[in-house]
Amino acid sequence: MLKELEIAGMVCPNNVMLAPLAGYTNFPFREMCRRLGAGLTFTEMVSCKGLMYGNEETKKLLYHGEDIPGARTFKAGNPESGTPGAVAPKAAQIFGCDPAIMRAACEGEDLAPFDLIDINMGCPMPKVVRNGEGSALMENLPLAEKVISECAKSGKRISVKFRTGVTEDKKITVEFAKMCEGAGACMITVHGRTRDKVYAGAPDYAEIAAAKNAVKIPVIANGGVWSDGDFEKMLTRTGADGVMIARAALYRPQVFADIAGVEAPPMKELFSRQLAETLELYGERFACVFMRKMAAFYLKGRQGAAEYKRRLFSAETTNEVAALAEEIFN
């Protein structure tokens, strides 16, 4: 079921993707997941208004390793190999609700390095929805269609990530999928839950399957994939072209290696490299706070996790975090 995936002429090494995760999918984390076997990774969702106003913090979210030799080189079957292989494409996710601003962002230099631009139409967070963005667009199909069509006019590959609906009693998966395709999207990702469910409950396989049967563009399934078994189950039950992994990657990024059928380095090694890359790119304070959070995720299921978390969140330097990680992941 693991296979190469083509999206409007763009070839991904495989059909397992890292979802855009606000606050987490920075460049070092994306690179770790890519090295472990993710065929496509997405930036955190980026505000088109932030790009329009030249916000530097917004622009930082789009860092993609242009000055790192060998970044994104992917050797199929051996993600850590130094042997040149296929170059994994780059994807960014944007959000907003003004078609003109979003098209301008797609045409701008900040998004120029990216091979695929994904539009977030599924975020359930109130502060996003209140602005008419994210999953609010599922309640305004004419505006959602205009946003997609304007972005597509930029000449970039445009994909859309959305949910099955806003509430359980009003699912619009098929209607929305058809609209996305008609407006110019070259791929859709269906999160198999309604907005009111947020991340709770099992994904709706039938709705994802219905979307797959309704359109000709690639359909990616999202929700409830925590293992290679879940990956196979999702593809079998939905017929989707690929799978997007979100929360599972935060707790155990080795899930990509499991699905790719390769051996992952020990967590101690993964953490050490992620910490070093995060420190180099973002500096001491950010790296300390961010890597405390990541260590807490990676601790899931380990004996003494509660006490380790207490000590982690008391750490004030990356050296302290590194020393604790050495102890935790030994």
C-alpha atoms as a PDB file:
ATOM      1  CA  MET A   1       0.000   0.000   0.000  1.00  0.00           C
ATOM      2  CA  LEU A   2       3.033   2.237   0.350  1.00  0.00           C
ATOM      3  CA  LYS A   3       3.607   3.710  -3.074  1.00  0.00           C
ATOM      4  CA  GLU A   4       4.893   6.689  -4.986  1.00  0.00           C
ATOM      5  CA  LEU A   5       2.272   9.408  -5.364  1.00  0.00           C
ATOM      6  CA  GLU A   6       1.924  11.899  -8.207  1.00  0.00           C
ATOM      7  CA  ILE A   7       0.082  15.173  -7.632  1.00  0.00           C
ATOM      8  CA  ALA A   8      -0.341  17.294 -10.756  1.00  0.00           C
ATOM      9  CA  GLY A   9       3.079  16.254 -12.050  1.00  0.00           C
ATOM     10  CA  MET A  10       4.769  16.511  -8.643  1.00  0.00           C
ATOM     11  CA  VAL A  11       6.100  13.148  -7.496  1.00  0.00           C
ATOM     12  CA  CYS A  12       6.195  12.295  -3.785  1.00  0.00           C
ATOM     13  CA  PRO A  13       8.496   9.422  -2.761  1.00  0.00           C
ATOM     14  CA  ASN A  14       5.569   7.791  -0.995  1.00  0.00           C
ATOM     15  CA  ASN A  15       1.960   8.359   0.036  1.00  0.00           C
ATOM     16  CA  VAL A  16       2.468   8.979   3.774  1.00  0.00           C
ATOM     17  CA  MET A  17       2.409  12.641   4.770  1.00  0.00           C
ATOM     18  CA  LEU A  18       3.093  14.700   7.864  1.00  0.00           C
ATOM     19  CA  ALA A  19       0.124  16.988   8.538  1.00  0.00           C
ATOM     20  CA  PRO A  20       0.540  20.698   9.178  1.00  0.00           C
ATOM     21  CA  LEU A  21       0.477  21.151  12.952  1.00  0.00           C
ATOM     22  CA  ALA A  22       0.313  24.680  14.361  1.00  0.00           C
ATOM     23  CA  GLY A  23       3.129  25.209  16.812  1.00  0.00           C
ATOM     24  CA  TYR A  24       4.995  22.031  15.920  1.00  0.00           C
ATOM     25  CA  THR A  25       5.863  21.374  12.268  1.00  0.00           C
ATOM     26  CA  ASN A  26       8.846  23.685  12.110  1.00  0.00           C
ATOM     27  CA  PHE A  27      11.735  22.807   9.815  1.00  0.00           C
ATOM     28  CA  PRO A  28      13.738  20.546  12.186  1.00  0.00           C
ATOM     29  CA  PHE A  29      10.643  18.507  13.051  1.00  0.00           C
ATOM     30  CA  ARG A  30       9.637  18.225   9.384  1.00  0.00           C
ATOM     31  CA  GLU A  31      13.161  17.131   8.494  1.00  0.00           C
ATOM     32  CA  MET A  32      13.160  14.452  11.180  1.00  0.00           C
ATOM     33  CA  CYS A  33       9.871  13.050   9.893  1.00  0.00           C
ATOM     34  CA  ARG A  34      11.149  13.168   6.317  1.00  0.00           C
ATOM     35  CA  ARG A  35      14.302  11.296   7.280  1.00  0.00           C
ATOM     36  CA  LEU A  36      12.123   8.704   9.007  1.00  0.00           C
ATOM     37  CA  GLY A  37      10.135   8.143   5.832  1.00  0.00           C
ATOM     38  CA  ALA A  38       7.440  10.819   5.361  1.00  0.00           C
ATOM     39  CA  GLY A  39       6.988  11.389   1.631  1.00  0.00           C
ATOM     40  CA  LEU A  40       5.624  14.915   2.020  1.00  0.00           C
ATOM     41  CA  THR A  41       5.651  17.303   4.969  1.00  0.00           C
ATOM     42  CA  PHE A  42       3.738  20.545   5.532  1.00  0.00           C
ATOM     43  CA  THR A  43       4.670  23.733   7.317  1.00  0.00           C
ATOM     44  CA  GLU A  44       2.574  25.044  10.160  1.00  0.00           C
ATOM     45  CA  MET A  45      -0.446  26.944   8.854  1.00  0.00           C
ATOM     46  CA  VAL A  46       0.650  30.406   7.754  1.00  0.00           C
ATOM     47  CA  SER A  47      -1.510  33.516   7.784  1.00  0.00           C
ATOM     48  CA  CYS A  48      -1.842  35.128   4.360  1.00  0.00           C
ATOM     49  CA  LYS A  49      -2.541  38.453   6.059  1.00  0.00           C
ATOM     50  CA  GLY A  50       0.687  38.038   8.005  1.00  0.00           C
ATOM     51  CA  LEU A  51       2.572  37.543   4.738  1.00  0.00           C
ATOM     52  CA  MET A  52       0.840  40.538   3.175  1.00  0.00           C
ATOM     53  CA  TYR A  53       1.937  42.773   6.048  1.00  0.00           C
ATOM     54  CA  GLY A  54       5.463  41.369   5.982  1.00  0.00           C
ATOM     55  CA  ASN A  55       5.290  39.917   9.481  1.00  0.00           C
ATOM     56  CA  GLU A  56       8.697  38.416  10.212  1.00  0.00           C
ATOM     57  CA  GLU A  57       7.392  35.830  12.680  1.00  0.00           C
ATOM     58  CA  THR A  58       4.971  34.589  10.008  1.00  0.00           C
ATOM     59  CA  LYS A  59       7.767  34.366   7.458  1.00  0.00           C
ATOM     60  CA  LYS A  60       9.892  32.308   9.864  1.00  0.00           C
ATOM     61  CA  LEU A  61       7.281  29.543   9.684  1.00  0.00           C
ATOM     62  CA  LEU A  62       8.205  29.077   6.023  1.00  0.00           C
ATOM     63  CA  TYR A  63      11.878  28.309   6.539  1.00  0.00           C
ATOM     64  CA  HIS A  64      12.665  25.289   4.375  1.00  0.00           C
ATOM     65  CA  GLY A  65      16.393  24.642   4.670  1.00  0.00           C
ATOM     66  CA  GLU A  66      17.534  26.277   1.463  1.00  0.00           C
ATOM     67  CA  ASP A  67      21.006  26.758   2.922  1.00  0.00           C
ATOM     68  CA  ILE A  68      21.423  23.173   4.164  1.00  0.00           C
ATOM     69  CA  PRO A  69      23.236  20.891   1.665  1.00  0.00           C
ATOM     70  CA  GLY A  70      21.305  17.700   0.969  1.00  0.00           C
ATOM     71  CA  ALA A  71      18.118  18.843   2.687  1.00  0.00           C
ATOM     72  CA  ARG A  72      15.086  16.967   1.351  1.00  0.00           C
ATOM     73  CA  THR A  73      17.138  14.276  -0.405  1.00  0.00           C
ATOM     74  CA  PHE A  74      15.134  11.099   0.052  1.00  0.00           C
ATOM     75  CA  LYS A  75      16.542   7.645  -0.603  1.00  0.00           C
ATOM     76  CA  ALA A  76      13.600   5.280  -0.936  1.00  0.00           C
ATOM     77  CA  GLY A  77      13.762   2.431   1.568  1.00  0.00           C
ATOM     78  CA  ASN A  78      16.623   4.063   3.475  1.00  0.00           C
ATOM     79  CA  PRO A  79      15.694   7.583   4.622  1.00  0.00           C
ATOM     80  CA  GLU A  80      18.985   8.135   6.465  1.00  0.00           C
ATOM     81  CA  SER A  81      21.185   7.108   3.553  1.00  0.00           C
ATOM     82  CA  GLY A  82      23.659   9.658   2.264  1.00  0.00           C
ATOM     83  CA  THR A  83      23.238   8.249  -1.222  1.00  0.00           C
ATOM     84  CA  PRO A  84      21.491  10.737  -3.511  1.00  0.00           C
ATOM     85  CA  GLY A  85      17.872   9.810  -4.105  1.00  0.00           C
ATOM     86  CA  ALA A  86      14.622  11.418  -5.064  1.00  0.00           C
ATOM     87  CA  VAL A  87      14.121  14.980  -3.838  1.00  0.00           C
ATOM     88  CA  ALA A  88      11.103  15.160  -1.596  1.00  0.00           C
ATOM     89  CA  PRO A  89       8.913  18.111  -2.590  1.00  0.00           C
ATOM     90  CA  LYS A  90       8.023  20.931  -0.195  1.00  0.00           C
ATOM     91  CA  ALA A  91       4.518  21.910   0.900  1.00  0.00           C
ATOM     92  CA  ALA A  92       3.191  24.886   2.841  1.00  0.00           C
ATOM     93  CA  GLN A  93      -0.226  25.398   4.380  1.00  0.00           C
ATOM     94  CA  ILE A  94      -1.924  28.786   4.358  1.00  0.00           C
ATOM     95  CA  PHE A  95      -5.100  30.126   5.910  1.00  0.00           C
ATOM     96  CA  GLY A  96      -7.338  33.130   5.377  1.00  0.00           C
ATOM     97  CA  CYS A  97     -10.652  34.034   3.793  1.00  0.00           C
ATOM     98  CA  ASP A  98      -9.904  36.947   1.462  1.00  0.00           C
ATOM     99  CA  PRO A  99      -9.477  35.542  -2.074  1.00  0.00           C
ATOM    100  CA  ALA A 100      -7.385  38.475  -3.309  1.00  0.00           C
ATOM    101  CA  ILE A 101      -4.998  38.397  -0.349  1.00  0.00           C
ATOM    102  CA  MET A 102      -4.624  34.630  -0.595  1.00  0.00           C
ATOM    103  CA  ARG A 103      -3.902  34.745  -4.318  1.00  0.00           C
ATOM    104  CA  ALA A 104      -1.309  37.467  -3.726  1.00  0.00           C
ATOM    105  CA  ALA A 105       0.334  35.261  -1.095  1.00  0.00           C
ATOM    106  CA  CYS A 106       0.459  32.339  -3.536  1.00  0.00           C
ATOM    107  CA  GLU A 107       2.076  34.598  -6.121  1.00  0.00           C
ATOM    108  CA  GLY A 108       4.522  36.108  -3.643  1.00  0.00           C
ATOM    109  CA  GLU A 109       8.178  35.326  -3.072  1.00  0.00           C
ATOM    110  CA  ASP A 110       7.613  33.808   0.382  1.00  0.00           C
ATOM    111  CA  LEU A 111       5.682  30.845  -1.067  1.00  0.00           C
ATOM    112  CA  ALA A 112       7.667  30.668  -4.311  1.00  0.00           C
ATOM    113  CA  PRO A 113       9.998  27.856  -3.074  1.00  0.00           C
ATOM    114  CA  PHE A 114       7.095  25.530  -2.298  1.00  0.00           C
ATOM    115  CA  ASP A 115       5.873  22.891  -4.732  1.00  0.00           C
ATOM    116  CA  LEU A 116       2.382  22.647  -3.242  1.00  0.00           C
ATOM    117  CA  ILE A 117       0.239  25.139  -1.330  1.00  0.00           C
ATOM    118  CA  ASP A 118      -2.469  23.706   0.898  1.00  0.00           C
ATOM    119  CA  ILE A 119      -5.436  25.806   2.015  1.00  0.00           C
ATOM    120  CA  ASN A 120      -6.690  25.149   5.530  1.00  0.00           C
ATOM    121  CA  MET A 121     -10.467  24.810   5.522  1.00  0.00           C
ATOM    122  CA  GLY A 122     -10.684  22.456   8.478  1.00  0.00           C
ATOM    123  CA  CYS A 123      -9.191  24.158  11.549  1.00  0.00           C
ATOM    124  CA  PRO A 124     -11.792  23.992  14.351  1.00  0.00           C
ATOM    125  CA  MET A 125     -10.161  26.479  16.737  1.00  0.00           C
ATOM    126  CA  PRO A 126     -12.585  29.276  17.764  1.00  0.00           C
ATOM    127  CA  LYS A 127     -10.100  32.109  17.202  1.00  0.00           C
ATOM    128  CA  VAL A 128      -9.685  30.970  13.584  1.00  0.00           C
ATOM    129  CA  VAL A 129     -13.351  30.211  12.960  1.00  0.00           C
ATOM    130  CA  ARG A 130     -14.464  33.588  14.378  1.00  0.00           C
ATOM    131  CA  ASN A 131     -12.463  35.298  11.637  1.00  0.00           C
ATOM    132  CA  GLY A 132     -14.259  33.328   8.934  1.00  0.00           C
ATOM    133  CA  GLU A 133     -11.184  31.196   8.315  1.00  0.00           C
ATOM    134  CA  GLY A 134     -10.408  27.475   8.636  1.00  0.00           C
ATOM    135  CA  SER A 135     -13.533  25.340   8.963  1.00  0.00           C
ATOM    136  CA  ALA A 136     -15.743  28.457   8.850  1.00  0.00           C
ATOM    137  CA  LEU A 137     -15.312  28.256   5.083  1.00  0.00           C
ATOM    138  CA  MET A 138     -17.231  24.969   5.104  1.00  0.00           C
ATOM    139  CA  GLU A 139     -20.275  27.080   5.957  1.00  0.00           C
ATOM    140  CA  ASN A 140     -19.725  29.395   3.006  1.00  0.00           C
ATOM    141  CA  LEU A 141     -19.137  27.310  -0.121  1.00  0.00           C
ATOM    142  CA  PRO A 142     -19.277  30.241  -2.579  1.00  0.00           C
ATOM    143  CA  LEU A 143     -16.485  32.011  -0.705  1.00  0.00           C
ATOM    144  CA  ALA A 144     -14.497  28.786  -0.292  1.00  0.00           C
ATOM    145  CA  GLU A 145     -14.765  28.190  -4.038  1.00  0.00           C
ATOM    146  CA  LYS A 146     -13.608  31.741  -4.780  1.00  0.00           C
ATOM    147  CA  VAL A 147     -10.618  31.349  -2.463  1.00  0.00           C
ATOM    148  CA  ILE A 148      -9.530  28.128  -4.174  1.00  0.00           C
ATOM    149  CA  SER A 149     -10.053  29.411  -7.715  1.00  0.00           C
ATOM    150  CA  GLU A 150      -8.134  32.622  -7.050  1.00  0.00           C
ATOM    151  CA  CYS A 151      -5.244  30.732  -5.469  1.00  0.00           C
ATOM    152  CA  ALA A 152      -5.198  28.328  -8.416  1.00  0.00           C
ATOM    153  CA  LYS A 153      -4.865  31.290 -10.792  1.00  0.00           C
ATOM    154  CA  SER A 154      -1.452  31.916  -9.232  1.00  0.00           C
ATOM    155  CA  GLY A 155      -0.148  28.944 -11.193  1.00  0.00           C
ATOM    156  CA  LYS A 156       0.823  27.060  -8.013  1.00  0.00           C
ATOM    157  CA  ARG A 157      -0.418  23.566  -7.230  1.00  0.00           C
ATOM    158  CA  ILE A 158      -3.266  24.080  -4.773  1.00  0.00           C
ATOM    159  CA  SER A 159      -4.677  21.486  -2.366  1.00  0.00           C
ATOM    160  CA  VAL A 160      -7.361  21.811   0.297  1.00  0.00           C
ATOM    161  CA  LYS A 161      -7.659  20.211   3.738  1.00  0.00           C
ATOM    162  CA  PHE A 162     -11.162  20.067   5.178  1.00  0.00           C
ATOM    163  CA  ARG A 163     -13.460  18.087   7.451  1.00  0.00           C
ATOM    164  CA  THR A 164     -16.567  16.034   6.775  1.00  0.00           C
ATOM    165  CA  GLY A 165     -18.721  18.928   7.935  1.00  0.00           C
ATOM    166  CA  VAL A 166     -19.389  21.269  10.819  1.00  0.00           C
ATOM    167  CA  THR A 167     -21.757  18.997  12.746  1.00  0.00           C
ATOM    168  CA  GLU A 168     -22.654  15.304  12.594  1.00  0.00           C
ATOM    169  CA  ASP A 169     -26.141  16.052  11.295  1.00  0.00           C
ATOM    170  CA  LYS A 170     -24.854  18.080   8.369  1.00  0.00           C
ATOM    171  CA  LYS A 171     -22.010  16.342   6.585  1.00  0.00           C
ATOM    172  CA  ILE A 172     -21.042  17.857   3.236  1.00  0.00           C
ATOM    173  CA  THR A 173     -17.935  15.831   2.366  1.00  0.00           C
ATOM    174  CA  VAL A 174     -18.897  14.915  -1.192  1.00  0.00           C
ATOM    175  CA  GLU A 175     -20.304  18.334  -2.053  1.00  0.00           C
ATOM    176  CA  PHE A 176     -17.209  20.052  -0.713  1.00  0.00           C
ATOM    177  CA  ALA A 177     -14.833  17.631  -2.432  1.00  0.00           C
ATOM    178  CA  LYS A 178     -16.485  18.226  -5.803  1.00  0.00           C
ATOM    179  CA  MET A 179     -16.379  21.976  -5.259  1.00  0.00           C
ATOM    180  CA  CYS A 180     -12.650  21.853  -4.499  1.00  0.00           C
ATOM    181  CA  GLU A 181     -11.909  19.876  -7.647  1.00  0.00           C
ATOM    182  CA  GLY A 182     -14.052  22.143  -9.787  1.00  0.00           C
ATOM    183  CA  ALA A 183     -12.389  25.251  -8.383  1.00  0.00           C
ATOM    184  CA  GLY A 184      -8.922  24.027  -9.360  1.00  0.00           C
ATOM    185  CA  ALA A 185      -7.560  22.006  -6.448  1.00  0.00           C
ATOM    186  CA  CYS A 186      -5.161  19.233  -7.519  1.00  0.00           C
ATOM    187  CA  MET A 187      -5.506  17.268  -4.260  1.00  0.00           C
ATOM    188  CA  ILE A 188      -7.776  17.180  -1.228  1.00  0.00           C
ATOM    189  CA  THR A 189      -7.208  15.912   2.293  1.00  0.00           C
ATOM    190  CA  VAL A 190     -10.286  14.818   4.199  1.00  0.00           C
ATOM    191  CA  HIS A 191     -10.096  14.814   7.983  1.00  0.00           C
ATOM    192  CA  GLY A 192     -12.710  12.195   8.782  1.00  0.00           C
ATOM    193  CA  ARG A 193     -14.345  14.115  11.633  1.00  0.00           C
ATOM    194  CA  THR A 194     -16.761  17.027  11.844  1.00  0.00           C
ATOM    195  CA  ARG A 195     -15.705  20.303  13.417  1.00  0.00           C
ATOM    196  CA  ASP A 196     -17.710  19.716  16.582  1.00  0.00           C
ATOM    197  CA  LYS A 197     -15.755  16.497  17.214  1.00  0.00           C
ATOM    198  CA  VAL A 198     -12.421  18.346  17.062  1.00  0.00           C
ATOM    199  CA  TYR A 199     -10.102  15.285  17.419  1.00  0.00           C
ATOM    200  CA  ALA A 200     -12.412  12.928  19.316  1.00  0.00           C
ATOM    201  CA  GLY A 201     -13.806   9.623  18.110  1.00  0.00           C
ATOM    202  CA  ALA A 202     -13.027   7.329  15.222  1.00  0.00           C
ATOM    203  CA  PRO A 203     -12.664   8.792  11.722  1.00  0.00           C
ATOM    204  CA  ASP A 204     -15.607   8.403   9.353  1.00  0.00           C
ATOM    205  CA  TYR A 205     -14.193   5.992   6.788  1.00  0.00           C
ATOM    206  CA  ALA A 206     -17.405   5.999   4.739  1.00  0.00           C
ATOM    207  CA  GLU A 207     -17.302   9.773   4.232  1.00  0.00           C
ATOM    208  CA  ILE A 208     -13.669   9.679   3.105  1.00  0.00           C
ATOM    209  CA  ALA A 209     -14.511   6.828   0.725  1.00  0.00           C
ATOM    210  CA  ALA A 210     -17.421   8.822  -0.647  1.00  0.00           C
ATOM    211  CA  ALA A 211     -15.115  11.739  -1.372  1.00  0.00           C
ATOM    212  CA  LYS A 212     -12.653   9.426  -3.110  1.00  0.00           C
ATOM    213  CA  ASN A 213     -15.425   8.068  -5.329  1.00  0.00           C
ATOM    214  CA  ALA A 214     -16.675  11.564  -6.165  1.00  0.00           C
ATOM    215  CA  VAL A 215     -13.495  13.133  -7.588  1.00  0.00           C
ATOM    216  CA  LYS A 216     -10.620  12.271  -9.905  1.00  0.00           C
ATOM    217  CA  ILE A 217      -7.859  14.151  -8.075  1.00  0.00           C
ATOM    218  CA  PRO A 218      -5.834  12.421  -5.314  1.00  0.00           C
ATOM    219  CA  VAL A 219      -7.632  12.099  -1.997  1.00  0.00           C
ATOM    220  CA  ILE A 220      -5.624  11.900   1.228  1.00  0.00           C
ATOM    221  CA  ALA A 221      -7.212  10.459   4.365  1.00  0.00           C
ATOM    222  CA  ASN A 222      -6.562  12.045   7.757  1.00  0.00           C
ATOM    223  CA  GLY A 223      -7.581  11.016  11.266  1.00  0.00           C
ATOM    224  CA  GLY A 224      -6.913   8.135  13.622  1.00  0.00           C
ATOM    225  CA  VAL A 225      -3.722   6.786  12.044  1.00  0.00           C
ATOM    226  CA  TRP A 226      -1.303   5.825  14.833  1.00  0.00           C
ATOM    227  CA  SER A 227       0.447   2.757  13.372  1.00  0.00           C
ATOM    228  CA  ASP A 228       1.263   0.852  10.207  1.00  0.00           C
ATOM    229  CA  GLY A 229      -1.851  -1.226  10.886  1.00  0.00           C
ATOM    230  CA  ASP A 230      -3.985   1.914  11.006  1.00  0.00           C
ATOM    231  CA  PHE A 231      -2.385   3.051   7.744  1.00  0.00           C
ATOM    232  CA  GLU A 232      -3.399  -0.144   5.985  1.00  0.00           C
ATOM    233  CA  LYS A 233      -6.858  -0.073   7.541  1.00  0.00           C
ATOM    234  CA  MET A 234      -7.434   3.510   6.419  1.00  0.00           C
ATOM    235  CA  LEU A 235      -6.433   2.831   2.819  1.00  0.00           C
ATOM    236  CA  THR A 236      -8.385  -0.434   2.667  1.00  0.00           C
ATOM    237  CA  ARG A 237     -11.592   1.063   4.033  1.00  0.00           C
ATOM    238  CA  THR A 238     -11.499   4.348   2.127  1.00  0.00           C
ATOM    239  CA  GLY A 239      -9.648   3.649  -1.117  1.00  0.00           C
ATOM    240  CA  ALA A 240      -7.734   6.877  -0.491  1.00  0.00           C
ATOM    241  CA  ASP A 241      -4.527   7.592  -2.389  1.00  0.00           C
ATOM    242  CA  GLY A 242      -2.550   8.301   0.739  1.00  0.00           C
ATOM    243  CA  VAL A 243      -2.645   9.080   4.429  1.00  0.00           C
ATOM    244  CA  MET A 244      -1.780  12.170   6.442  1.00  0.00           C
ATOM    245  CA  ILE A 245      -0.501  11.665   9.988  1.00  0.00           C
ATOM    246  CA  ALA A 246      -0.902  14.355  12.646  1.00  0.00           C
ATOM    247  CA  ARG A 247      -0.931  13.752  16.414  1.00  0.00           C
ATOM    248  CA  ALA A 248       0.720  10.324  16.154  1.00  0.00           C
ATOM    249  CA  ALA A 249       3.840  12.013  14.780  1.00  0.00           C
ATOM    250  CA  LEU A 250       4.089  14.190  17.883  1.00  0.00           C
ATOM    251  CA  TYR A 251       4.037  11.221  20.222  1.00  0.00           C
ATOM    252  CA  ARG A 252       6.053   8.837  18.091  1.00  0.00           C
ATOM    253  CA  PRO A 253       7.611  10.148  14.850  1.00  0.00           C
ATOM    254  CA  GLN A 254       8.987   6.647  14.232  1.00  0.00           C
ATOM    255  CA  VAL A 255       5.521   5.799  12.907  1.00  0.00           C
ATOM    256  CA  PHE A 256       6.786   6.934   9.489  1.00  0.00           C
ATOM    257  CA  ALA A 257       9.623   4.408   9.622  1.00  0.00           C
ATOM    258  CA  ASP A 258       7.184   1.681  10.676  1.00  0.00           C
ATOM    259  CA  ILE A 259       5.011   2.351   7.638  1.00  0.00           C
ATOM    260  CA  ALA A 260       8.011   2.704   5.319  1.00  0.00           C
ATOM    261  CA  GLY A 261       9.363  -0.606   6.608  1.00  0.00           C
ATOM    262  CA  VAL A 262      12.724   0.770   7.718  1.00  0.00           C
ATOM    263  CA  GLU A 263      14.494   0.758  11.067  1.00  0.00           C
ATOM    264  CA  ALA A 264      14.354   4.037  12.970  1.00  0.00           C
ATOM    265  CA  PRO A 265      17.295   5.360  14.999  1.00  0.00           C
ATOM    266  CA  PRO A 266      16.875   5.226  18.797  1.00  0.00           C
ATOM    267  CA  MET A 267      14.789   8.015  20.324  1.00  0.00           C
ATOM    268  CA  LYS A 268      17.863   9.353  22.143  1.00  0.00           C
ATOM    269  CA  GLU A 269      19.569   9.914  18.804  1.00  0.00           C
ATOM    270  CA  LEU A 270      16.471  11.412  17.192  1.00  0.00           C
ATOM    271  CA  PHE A 271      15.937  13.801  20.096  1.00  0.00           C
ATOM    272  CA  SER A 272      19.573  14.885  20.231  1.00  0.00           C
ATOM    273  CA  ARG A 273      19.625  15.768  16.547  1.00  0.00           C
ATOM    274  CA  GLN A 274      16.274  17.559  16.699  1.00  0.00           C
ATOM    275  CA  LEU A 275      17.456  19.575  19.700  1.00  0.00           C
ATOM    276  CA  ALA A 276      20.713  20.566  17.991  1.00  0.00           C
ATOM    277  CA  GLU A 277      18.949  21.621  14.777  1.00  0.00           C
ATOM    278  CA  THR A 278      16.261  23.538  16.659  1.00  0.00           C
ATOM    279  CA  LEU A 279      18.882  25.339  18.748  1.00  0.00           C
ATOM    280  CA  GLU A 280      20.936  26.280  15.696  1.00  0.00           C
ATOM    281  CA  LEU A 281      17.940  27.613  13.801  1.00  0.00           C
ATOM    282  CA  TYR A 282      15.857  29.302  16.493  1.00  0.00           C
ATOM    283  CA  GLY A 283      18.165  30.037  19.404  1.00  0.00           C
ATOM    284  CA  GLU A 284      18.397  29.072  23.057  1.00  0.00           C
ATOM    285  CA  ARG A 285      15.070  30.258  24.484  1.00  0.00           C
ATOM    286  CA  PHE A 286      12.830  28.882  21.761  1.00  0.00           C
ATOM    287  CA  ALA A 287      14.737  25.588  21.616  1.00  0.00           C
ATOM    288  CA  CYS A 288      14.505  25.109  25.374  1.00  0.00           C
ATOM    289  CA  VAL A 289      10.737  25.688  25.533  1.00  0.00           C
ATOM    290  CA  PHE A 290       9.943  23.800  22.332  1.00  0.00           C
ATOM    291  CA  MET A 291      12.076  20.757  23.076  1.00  0.00           C
ATOM    292  CA  ARG A 292      10.656  20.488  26.596  1.00  0.00           C
ATOM    293  CA  LYS A 293       7.253  20.085  24.926  1.00  0.00           C
ATOM    294  CA  MET A 294       8.585  17.554  22.437  1.00  0.00           C
ATOM    295  CA  ALA A 295      10.263  15.474  25.144  1.00  0.00           C
ATOM    296  CA  ALA A 296       6.967  15.423  27.036  1.00  0.00           C
ATOM    297  CA  PHE A 297       5.231  14.024  23.953  1.00  0.00           C
ATOM    298  CA  TYR A 298       7.919  11.402  23.378  1.00  0.00           C
ATOM    299  CA  LEU A 299       7.580  10.294  27.015  1.00  0.00           C
ATOM    300  CA  LYS A 300       4.090   8.896  26.448  1.00  0.00           C
ATOM    301  CA  GLY A 301       3.780   5.429  27.946  1.00  0.00           C
ATOM    302  CA  ARG A 302       7.168   5.448  29.671  1.00  0.00           C
ATOM    303  CA  GLN A 303       7.525   4.541  33.323  1.00  0.00           C
ATOM    304  CA  GLY A 304       7.868   7.588  35.570  1.00  0.00           C
ATOM    305  CA  ALA A 305       6.595   9.941  32.861  1.00  0.00           C
ATOM    306  CA  ALA A 306       4.848  12.305  35.290  1.00  0.00           C
ATOM    307  CA  GLU A 307       7.992  12.955  37.328  1.00  0.00           C
ATOM    308  CA  TYR A 308      10.119  13.350  34.197  1.00  0.00           C
ATOM    309  CA  LYS A 309       7.650  15.910  32.830  1.00  0.00           C
ATOM    310  CA  ARG A 310       7.824  17.868  36.076  1.00  0.00           C
ATOM    311  CA  ARG A 311      11.599  17.982  35.837  1.00  0.00           C
ATOM    312  CA  LEU A 312      11.500  18.814  32.127  1.00  0.00           C
ATOM    313  CA  PHE A 313       9.282  21.823  32.572  1.00  0.00           C
ATOM    314  CA  SER A 314      11.568  23.075  35.325  1.00  0.00           C
ATOM    315  CA  ALA A 315      14.552  23.004  32.961  1.00  0.00           C
ATOM    316  CA  GLU A 316      15.732  26.474  31.998  1.00  0.00           C
ATOM    317  CA  THR A 317      18.434  25.703  29.426  1.00  0.00           C
ATOM    318  CA  THR A 318      18.872  23.382  26.474  1.00  0.00           C
ATOM    319  CA  ASN A 319      21.788  21.782  28.306  1.00  0.00           C
ATOM    320  CA  GLU A 320      19.420  20.802  31.110  1.00  0.00           C
ATOM    321  CA  VAL A 321      16.902  19.480  28.603  1.00  0.00           C
ATOM    322  CA  ALA A 322      19.630  17.485  26.836  1.00  0.00           C
ATOM    323  CA  ALA A 323      20.837  15.976  30.119  1.00  0.00           C
ATOM    324  CA  LEU A 324      17.310  14.939  31.075  1.00  0.00           C
ATOM    325  CA  ALA A 325      16.722  13.466  27.618  1.00  0.00           C
ATOM    326  CA  GLU A 326      19.907  11.421  27.995  1.00  0.00           C
ATOM    327  CA  GLU A 327      18.475  10.009  31.204  1.00  0.00           C
ATOM    328  CA  ILE A 328      14.937   9.521  29.901  1.00  0.00           C
ATOM    329  CA  PHE A 329      15.743   7.915  26.567  1.00  0.00           C
ATOM    330  CA  ASN A 330      18.767   5.906  27.640  1.00  0.00           C
END
